[in-house]
Amino acid sequence: MSSSRILVLNSGSSSVKYQLLDMRDSSRLAVGLVERIGEETSRLKHTPAGAEAREWTGPIADHEAALKAVSAELAKDGLGLDSPELAAIGHRVVHGGKHFTEPTVVDDTVLAEIERLIPVAPLHNPANLTGIRTAQALRPDLPQVAVFDTAFHTTMPESAARYAIDVQTADEHRIRRYGFHGTSHAYVSRATAQLLGRAPEDVNVIVLHLGNGASASAVRGGTCVDTSMGLTPLEGLVMGTRSGDMDPAVIFHLMRVGGMSADEIDTLLNKKSGLIGLCGDNDMREIRRRIDEGDEQAQLAFDIYIHRLKKYIGAYYAVLGRVDAIAFTAGVGENAAPVREAAVAGLEELGLAVDSELNAVRGDAPRLISPEHARVAVAVVPTDEELEIATQTYALVKGSQNLT
């Protein structure tokens, strides 16, 4: 029997997102979410392909109980974790440091390295580790594959990855720019080349992953040469609740003059800044509604968001030298036409423009929104991080086990 199924797990501190895919045609057999793990009101939502969603609410004590509940739901559809058709489980791991440059079959050494990176990813790597260890316990015979958010960005040259601080200090504490959202940037840059009918190695793309978390990347011929996030996901663009780029002396000022602790400043910059700090909302739809009603604070937040976005477009245009396409993706990038229009407005000398009618069209397929014969293509390319994780996982285990 063919082993062509990949289960993709994205384990958070109190949640597990999952998808089961058949890699023969990249179809989704089931998708689901377990949330509020550890609470009496835990919730599991499971949607099999072509069927209505099923929901269950009740206590789910830990990640092991969550995965057992997921397995039970999959079994109801004949898709249980004990199926011989399941080839591997692919895990999203946020931080892989410099060491992990590609998807990796998990062993004790890999687990130890992911654990060693917890200080630079304290919110994510512990939960990712829990998901891997839980899946290992349930299916010890099955390959567990870690796919790292940082891997796509490990091709950045040292000139882009290094901060201009003392080298010995930086090396001792592993301080450098790692970048995140790598599976999305990899998928979207490749899909953009396909949309243009060209090979990825022939295309230079600026990818704008705009969701509640937001990042930009400069991709030359399929290879990342720069990205906006750094040691952590805090650097770069203005985001839903994160500040993005900021003078680091602000931190010292808040400590000395504001009397704030390191933890308080961490919370401020990661959870109370960005759009929500500027106007009290981090939902772009609500911000646009308020702008339409004449809300000046919402307008200012939008203008700051766009200003930062334009700066990165211009910077990455300079880094690449030649740009063939700009691709908007993720929740805001895919759905907020005013953001796309404003981001390229005034950049006509760089060959950038959007067609207002094409930009207004909504859809789930990759599409061009630039005028016909534009020098630089502007595209909307829905991201698919789960498919990217599944694709990388399947390619790895297929190569090592000769799966058919």
Protein backbone atom coordinates (compact mmCIF):
# COMPACT_ATOMS: atom_id res chain seq x y z
CA MET A 1 0.00 0.00 0.00
CA SER A 2 1.26 3.47 -0.86
CA SER A 3 2.37 5.63 2.09
CA SER A 4 1.43 9.04 0.77
CA ARG A 5 -0.19 10.81 3.70
CA ILE A 6 1.50 13.49 5.80
CA LEU A 7 0.08 14.82 9.05
CA VAL A 8 1.18 18.41 9.69
CA LEU A 9 1.20 19.61 13.30
CA ASN A 10 1.61 23.19 14.48
CA SER A 11 1.79 23.00 18.28
CA GLY A 12 1.33 26.15 20.32
CA SER A 13 1.51 26.56 24.07
CA SER A 14 -2.21 25.80 24.47
CA SER A 15 -3.25 24.73 20.97
CA VAL A 16 -2.59 22.26 18.17
CA LYS A 17 -3.44 23.06 14.56
CA TYR A 18 -3.34 20.09 12.22
CA GLN A 19 -3.88 19.06 8.63
CA LEU A 20 -3.75 15.62 7.01
CA LEU A 21 -2.71 15.74 3.35
CA ASP A 22 -2.44 13.16 0.59
CA MET A 23 0.74 14.02 -1.27
CA ARG A 24 -0.26 12.17 -4.43
CA ASP A 25 -2.35 15.20 -5.34
CA SER A 26 -1.65 17.55 -2.38
CA SER A 27 -5.28 17.26 -1.31
CA ARG A 28 -6.45 17.88 2.24
CA LEU A 29 -8.13 14.90 3.86
CA ALA A 30 -8.88 16.72 7.11
CA VAL A 31 -8.08 19.95 8.95
CA GLY A 32 -8.61 20.89 12.54
CA LEU A 33 -7.75 22.82 15.67
CA VAL A 34 -7.53 21.97 19.35
CA GLU A 35 -7.48 25.07 21.53
CA ARG A 36 -7.51 26.02 25.20
CA ILE A 37 -5.53 22.89 26.10
CA GLY A 38 -5.32 22.48 29.88
CA GLU A 39 -8.68 24.14 30.51
CA GLU A 40 -12.09 22.71 31.32
CA THR A 41 -13.45 24.39 28.19
CA SER A 42 -10.99 22.93 25.67
CA ARG A 43 -12.36 22.86 22.14
CA LEU A 44 -11.67 20.60 19.17
CA LYS A 45 -12.92 21.48 15.70
CA HIS A 46 -12.38 18.84 13.03
CA THR A 47 -13.35 19.16 9.37
CA PRO A 48 -13.01 16.14 7.05
CA ALA A 49 -12.77 16.78 3.31
CA GLY A 50 -16.19 17.18 1.75
CA ALA A 51 -18.05 16.96 5.05
CA GLU A 52 -19.40 19.19 7.78
CA ALA A 53 -17.17 20.22 10.65
CA ARG A 54 -17.48 18.43 13.97
CA GLU A 55 -16.92 20.30 17.23
CA TRP A 56 -16.29 18.99 20.72
CA THR A 57 -15.92 20.94 23.96
CA GLY A 58 -14.62 19.58 27.24
CA PRO A 59 -11.45 19.17 29.30
CA ILE A 60 -8.26 18.27 27.40
CA ALA A 61 -5.50 18.07 29.97
CA ASP A 62 -2.36 18.29 27.84
CA HIS A 63 -0.89 17.89 24.36
CA GLU A 64 -0.88 14.09 24.64
CA ALA A 65 -4.62 14.13 25.30
CA ALA A 66 -5.05 16.60 22.46
CA LEU A 67 -3.28 14.37 19.93
CA LYS A 68 -5.20 11.34 21.13
CA ALA A 69 -8.42 13.29 20.58
CA VAL A 70 -7.24 14.29 17.11
CA SER A 71 -6.39 10.65 16.35
CA ALA A 72 -9.86 9.59 17.47
CA GLU A 73 -11.51 12.14 15.19
CA LEU A 74 -9.35 11.08 12.24
CA ALA A 75 -10.19 7.42 12.94
CA LYS A 76 -13.91 8.20 12.59
CA ASP A 77 -13.15 9.13 8.98
CA GLY A 78 -10.94 6.09 8.38
CA LEU A 79 -7.83 8.28 8.60
CA GLY A 80 -6.41 7.23 11.96
CA LEU A 81 -2.80 7.72 13.02
CA ASP A 82 -2.32 3.94 12.93
CA SER A 83 -2.93 3.89 9.17
CA PRO A 84 -0.10 2.34 7.09
CA GLU A 85 -0.76 5.11 4.57
CA LEU A 86 0.66 7.70 6.98
CA ALA A 87 4.25 8.29 5.85
CA ALA A 88 5.39 10.84 8.43
CA ILE A 89 4.39 13.66 10.74
CA GLY A 90 5.70 17.10 9.83
CA HIS A 91 6.12 19.62 12.63
CA ARG A 92 6.38 23.37 12.38
CA VAL A 93 9.33 24.51 14.50
CA VAL A 94 9.74 28.26 14.76
CA HIS A 95 13.45 28.60 15.50
CA GLY A 96 16.21 26.42 14.05
CA GLY A 97 19.10 28.84 14.46
CA LYS A 98 22.00 28.60 12.02
CA HIS A 99 22.25 24.84 12.31
CA PHE A 100 19.03 23.70 10.64
CA THR A 101 18.97 24.79 7.02
CA GLU A 102 16.49 22.21 5.74
CA PRO A 103 13.78 19.83 7.00
CA THR A 104 15.26 17.33 9.41
CA VAL A 105 14.22 13.93 10.75
CA VAL A 106 14.02 14.32 14.50
CA ASP A 107 16.34 12.38 16.80
CA ASP A 108 17.70 13.06 20.28
CA THR A 109 20.40 15.37 18.91
CA VAL A 110 17.83 17.43 17.00
CA LEU A 111 15.59 17.66 20.05
CA ALA A 112 18.52 18.85 22.17
CA GLU A 113 19.39 21.59 19.66
CA ILE A 114 15.79 22.81 19.44
CA GLU A 115 15.76 22.93 23.24
CA ARG A 116 19.07 24.84 23.27
CA LEU A 117 17.41 27.52 21.12
CA ILE A 118 14.59 28.15 23.62
CA PRO A 119 16.21 31.38 24.93
CA VAL A 120 15.80 32.98 21.49
CA ALA A 121 12.30 31.54 20.94
CA PRO A 122 10.81 31.20 24.44
CA LEU A 123 7.18 31.40 23.31
CA HIS A 124 7.38 28.92 20.46
CA ASN A 125 10.12 26.31 20.67
CA PRO A 126 8.93 24.77 23.99
CA ALA A 127 5.46 24.18 22.51
CA ASN A 128 6.95 22.83 19.27
CA LEU A 129 9.06 20.40 21.32
CA THR A 130 6.01 19.24 23.26
CA GLY A 131 4.20 18.48 20.01
CA ILE A 132 7.11 16.47 18.64
CA ARG A 133 7.61 14.45 21.82
CA THR A 134 3.90 13.73 22.10
CA ALA A 135 3.73 12.53 18.49
CA GLN A 136 6.83 10.40 19.04
CA ALA A 137 5.15 8.69 21.98
CA LEU A 138 2.03 7.95 19.95
CA ARG A 139 3.85 6.74 16.82
CA PRO A 140 7.48 5.89 17.74
CA ASP A 141 7.86 3.93 14.49
CA LEU A 142 7.00 6.92 12.30
CA PRO A 143 9.45 9.59 11.06
CA GLN A 144 8.93 12.90 12.83
CA VAL A 145 10.20 15.74 10.64
CA ALA A 146 10.95 19.24 11.87
CA VAL A 147 10.43 22.02 9.32
CA PHE A 148 11.90 25.28 10.56
CA ASP A 149 10.52 28.80 10.05
CA THR A 150 14.09 30.07 9.96
CA ALA A 151 15.52 27.58 7.43
CA PHE A 152 14.65 29.49 4.25
CA HIS A 153 16.54 32.51 5.56
CA THR A 154 19.80 30.71 6.38
CA THR A 155 21.00 31.58 2.86
CA MET A 156 21.29 35.26 3.80
CA PRO A 157 24.86 36.52 3.40
CA GLU A 158 26.68 37.53 6.56
CA SER A 159 26.37 41.16 5.48
CA ALA A 160 22.60 40.82 5.92
CA ALA A 161 22.54 38.39 8.85
CA ARG A 162 25.06 40.09 11.16
CA TYR A 163 24.23 42.92 13.53
CA ALA A 164 26.91 45.59 13.88
CA ILE A 165 27.84 44.70 17.45
CA ASP A 166 30.93 43.15 19.01
CA VAL A 167 31.53 39.89 17.16
CA GLN A 168 32.61 37.90 20.22
CA THR A 169 29.52 38.94 22.17
CA ALA A 170 27.26 38.18 19.23
CA ASP A 171 28.74 34.72 18.71
CA GLU A 172 28.68 33.84 22.39
CA HIS A 173 24.98 34.60 22.67
CA ARG A 174 23.97 33.53 19.13
CA ILE A 175 22.85 37.08 18.29
CA ARG A 176 22.20 37.47 14.59
CA ARG A 177 19.26 37.91 12.21
CA TYR A 178 17.45 34.61 11.65
CA GLY A 179 14.15 35.64 10.08
CA PHE A 180 10.79 33.88 10.37
CA HIS A 181 7.73 32.94 8.27
CA GLY A 182 10.25 31.03 6.15
CA THR A 183 7.86 28.32 4.96
CA SER A 184 5.50 31.03 3.72
CA HIS A 185 8.25 33.00 1.97
CA ALA A 186 9.57 29.82 0.33
CA TYR A 187 6.12 28.76 -0.89
CA VAL A 188 5.04 32.21 -2.09
CA SER A 189 8.28 33.05 -3.91
CA ARG A 190 8.09 29.75 -5.79
CA ALA A 191 4.36 30.14 -6.53
CA THR A 192 4.98 33.67 -7.82
CA ALA A 193 7.53 32.39 -10.32
CA GLN A 194 5.02 29.76 -11.41
CA LEU A 195 2.37 32.46 -11.85
CA LEU A 196 4.78 34.30 -14.15
CA GLY A 197 5.46 31.10 -16.09
CA ARG A 198 9.14 31.18 -15.16
CA ALA A 199 11.55 29.04 -13.17
CA PRO A 200 12.19 30.21 -9.57
CA GLU A 201 15.93 30.48 -10.27
CA ASP A 202 15.20 33.09 -12.95
CA VAL A 203 12.98 35.35 -10.83
CA ASN A 204 13.69 38.03 -8.21
CA VAL A 205 10.76 38.53 -5.84
CA ILE A 206 9.94 40.74 -2.89
CA VAL A 207 7.53 38.75 -0.71
CA LEU A 208 5.32 40.68 1.72
CA HIS A 209 3.79 38.35 4.31
CA LEU A 210 1.25 40.63 5.97
CA GLY A 211 -0.80 39.14 8.77
CA ASN A 212 -0.99 39.95 12.47
CA GLY A 213 2.69 39.10 12.31
CA ALA A 214 4.30 40.62 9.23
CA SER A 215 7.58 40.18 7.40
CA ALA A 216 9.23 40.98 4.08
CA SER A 217 11.88 39.08 2.19
CA ALA A 218 14.13 39.68 -0.78
CA VAL A 219 14.40 36.47 -2.82
CA ARG A 220 16.95 36.27 -5.61
CA GLY A 221 16.55 33.29 -7.92
CA GLY A 222 14.71 31.23 -5.31
CA THR A 223 17.19 32.07 -2.54
CA CYS A 224 16.56 34.45 0.35
CA VAL A 225 19.14 37.24 0.56
CA ASP A 226 17.44 39.42 3.18
CA THR A 227 14.40 39.43 5.44
CA SER A 228 12.87 41.91 7.86
CA MET A 229 12.56 39.87 11.07
CA GLY A 230 15.72 39.36 13.07
CA LEU A 231 16.87 37.52 16.19
CA THR A 232 13.17 37.35 17.08
CA PRO A 233 9.94 38.12 15.19
CA LEU A 234 9.90 41.64 16.71
CA GLU A 235 12.13 43.35 14.13
CA GLY A 236 10.92 44.82 10.85
CA LEU A 237 7.48 45.87 9.71
CA VAL A 238 4.74 47.40 11.83
CA MET A 239 2.56 44.46 12.89
CA GLY A 240 -0.72 43.86 14.68
CA THR A 241 0.75 44.08 18.18
CA ARG A 242 4.53 44.31 17.57
CA SER A 243 6.46 47.53 17.10
CA GLY A 244 8.85 46.38 14.39
CA ASP A 245 11.99 48.51 13.87
CA MET A 246 12.77 50.92 16.67
CA ASP A 247 15.75 52.73 18.14
CA PRO A 248 17.09 50.28 20.78
CA ALA A 249 17.81 53.24 23.06
CA VAL A 250 14.05 53.49 23.63
CA ILE A 251 14.44 50.40 25.84
CA PHE A 252 17.11 52.07 27.98
CA HIS A 253 14.99 55.21 28.21
CA LEU A 254 11.96 53.25 29.41
CA MET A 255 14.10 51.49 32.01
CA ARG A 256 15.85 54.58 33.32
CA VAL A 257 13.15 57.21 32.99
CA GLY A 258 9.99 55.15 32.84
CA GLY A 259 11.03 52.71 35.57
CA MET A 260 9.86 49.75 33.50
CA SER A 261 11.29 46.26 33.91
CA ALA A 262 12.65 44.16 31.07
CA ASP A 263 9.53 41.98 31.18
CA GLU A 264 7.23 45.01 31.05
CA ILE A 265 9.07 46.40 28.03
CA ASP A 266 8.98 42.97 26.37
CA THR A 267 5.21 42.90 26.80
CA LEU A 268 4.89 46.49 25.55
CA LEU A 269 6.85 45.90 22.34
CA ASN A 270 5.41 42.48 21.51
CA LYS A 271 1.80 42.72 22.67
CA LYS A 272 0.86 46.39 23.11
CA SER A 273 2.55 48.06 20.15
CA GLY A 274 2.11 48.04 16.38
CA LEU A 275 -1.39 48.82 15.17
CA ILE A 276 -3.04 48.03 18.48
CA GLY A 277 -0.68 50.43 20.25
CA LEU A 278 -1.24 53.15 17.69
CA CYS A 279 -5.03 53.06 17.47
CA GLY A 280 -6.40 50.32 19.72
CA ASP A 281 -7.22 47.90 16.89
CA ASN A 282 -5.08 45.27 15.19
CA ASP A 283 -7.73 44.13 12.70
CA MET A 284 -7.11 45.90 9.39
CA ARG A 285 -10.79 45.60 8.45
CA GLU A 286 -11.80 47.53 11.56
CA ILE A 287 -9.07 50.10 10.99
CA ARG A 288 -10.28 50.70 7.43
CA ARG A 289 -13.88 51.01 8.68
CA ARG A 290 -12.78 53.63 11.17
CA ILE A 291 -10.84 55.49 8.47
CA ASP A 292 -13.95 55.56 6.29
CA GLU A 293 -15.75 57.21 9.21
CA GLY A 294 -13.05 59.88 9.48
CA ASP A 295 -11.12 58.49 12.47
CA GLU A 296 -7.80 60.36 12.51
CA GLN A 297 -6.06 57.95 14.90
CA ALA A 298 -6.87 54.98 12.67
CA GLN A 299 -5.67 56.95 9.64
CA LEU A 300 -2.35 57.72 11.35
CA ALA A 301 -1.86 54.05 12.29
CA PHE A 302 -2.52 53.04 8.68
CA ASP A 303 -0.13 55.69 7.37
CA ILE A 304 2.66 54.54 9.71
CA TYR A 305 2.05 50.92 8.66
CA ILE A 306 2.27 51.83 4.97
CA HIS A 307 5.29 54.09 5.43
CA ARG A 308 7.30 51.24 6.96
CA LEU A 309 6.11 48.86 4.25
CA LYS A 310 7.24 51.21 1.49
CA LYS A 311 10.65 51.60 3.11
CA TYR A 312 11.18 47.86 2.98
CA ILE A 313 9.99 47.63 -0.62
CA GLY A 314 12.49 50.31 -1.59
CA ALA A 315 15.28 48.74 0.47
CA TYR A 316 14.79 45.29 -0.99
CA TYR A 317 14.52 46.71 -4.49
CA ALA A 318 18.01 48.15 -3.89
CA VAL A 319 19.28 44.85 -2.43
CA LEU A 320 18.04 42.82 -5.40
CA GLY A 321 18.97 45.32 -8.10
CA ARG A 322 16.33 43.86 -10.40
CA VAL A 323 12.81 43.01 -9.25
CA ASP A 324 10.50 40.87 -11.35
CA ALA A 325 7.58 40.73 -8.96
CA ILE A 326 6.20 41.82 -5.62
CA ALA A 327 3.91 39.26 -3.96
CA PHE A 328 1.38 40.08 -1.23
CA THR A 329 0.33 37.19 1.00
CA ALA A 330 -1.21 36.21 4.38
CA GLY A 331 -4.40 37.61 5.90
CA VAL A 332 -3.88 41.32 5.25
CA GLY A 333 -1.81 40.89 2.10
CA GLU A 334 -4.38 38.62 0.50
CA ASN A 335 -7.53 40.47 1.52
CA ALA A 336 -6.82 44.17 2.09
CA ALA A 337 -6.89 45.86 -1.31
CA PRO A 338 -6.31 49.36 0.21
CA VAL A 339 -3.04 48.14 1.77
CA ARG A 340 -1.78 46.80 -1.56
CA GLU A 341 -2.75 49.97 -3.40
CA ALA A 342 -1.19 52.27 -0.81
CA ALA A 343 2.01 50.21 -0.55
CA VAL A 344 2.97 50.79 -4.18
CA ALA A 345 1.39 54.23 -4.69
CA GLY A 346 4.05 56.71 -5.75
CA LEU A 347 6.50 53.99 -6.79
CA GLU A 348 5.69 54.19 -10.49
CA GLU A 349 9.29 55.17 -11.30
CA LEU A 350 10.27 51.74 -9.98
CA GLY A 351 7.84 50.10 -12.37
CA LEU A 352 5.28 49.43 -9.65
CA ALA A 353 1.56 49.99 -9.98
CA VAL A 354 -1.72 48.21 -9.38
CA ASP A 355 -4.77 48.09 -11.61
CA SER A 356 -7.66 49.26 -9.41
CA GLU A 357 -10.16 46.82 -10.94
CA LEU A 358 -7.86 43.82 -10.69
CA ASN A 359 -6.89 44.83 -7.16
CA ALA A 360 -10.53 44.87 -6.08
CA VAL A 361 -11.14 41.28 -7.18
CA ARG A 362 -11.19 38.72 -4.36
CA GLY A 363 -10.26 35.09 -4.83
CA ASP A 364 -8.34 32.10 -3.52
CA ALA A 365 -6.08 31.64 -6.55
CA PRO A 366 -2.76 33.40 -7.25
CA ARG A 367 -3.40 36.41 -9.47
CA LEU A 368 -1.75 39.47 -10.95
CA ILE A 369 -3.09 42.89 -9.94
CA SER A 370 -0.63 45.05 -11.91
CA PRO A 371 -1.53 46.66 -15.24
CA GLU A 372 -0.87 44.66 -18.40
CA HIS A 373 2.74 44.95 -19.59
CA ALA A 374 3.87 46.38 -16.24
CA ARG A 375 7.64 46.32 -15.81
CA VAL A 376 7.29 44.71 -12.37
CA ALA A 377 4.47 42.24 -11.72
CA VAL A 378 2.42 42.85 -8.58
CA ALA A 379 0.72 39.67 -7.40
CA VAL A 380 -1.55 38.33 -4.70
CA VAL A 381 -0.42 34.81 -3.83
CA PRO A 382 -2.31 33.01 -1.04
CA THR A 383 0.18 31.31 1.21
CA ASP A 384 -0.03 27.64 2.19
CA GLU A 385 2.42 26.93 4.97
CA GLU A 386 0.88 23.56 5.80
CA LEU A 387 1.27 22.36 2.21
CA GLU A 388 4.86 23.61 2.21
CA ILE A 389 5.60 21.71 5.43
CA ALA A 390 3.93 18.59 4.04
CA THR A 391 5.80 18.89 0.73
CA GLN A 392 9.17 19.25 2.44
CA THR A 393 8.39 16.43 4.87
CA TYR A 394 7.26 14.04 2.16
CA ALA A 395 10.24 14.81 -0.06
CA LEU A 396 12.60 14.04 2.82
CA VAL A 397 11.05 10.73 3.87
CA LYS A 398 10.37 9.67 0.29
CA GLY A 399 14.02 10.18 -0.54
CA SER A 400 15.22 8.24 2.50
CA GLN A 401 12.68 5.39 2.39
CA ASN A 402 11.87 5.14 -1.34
CA LEU A 403 8.17 5.62 -0.71
CA THR A 404 5.87 5.09 -3.65
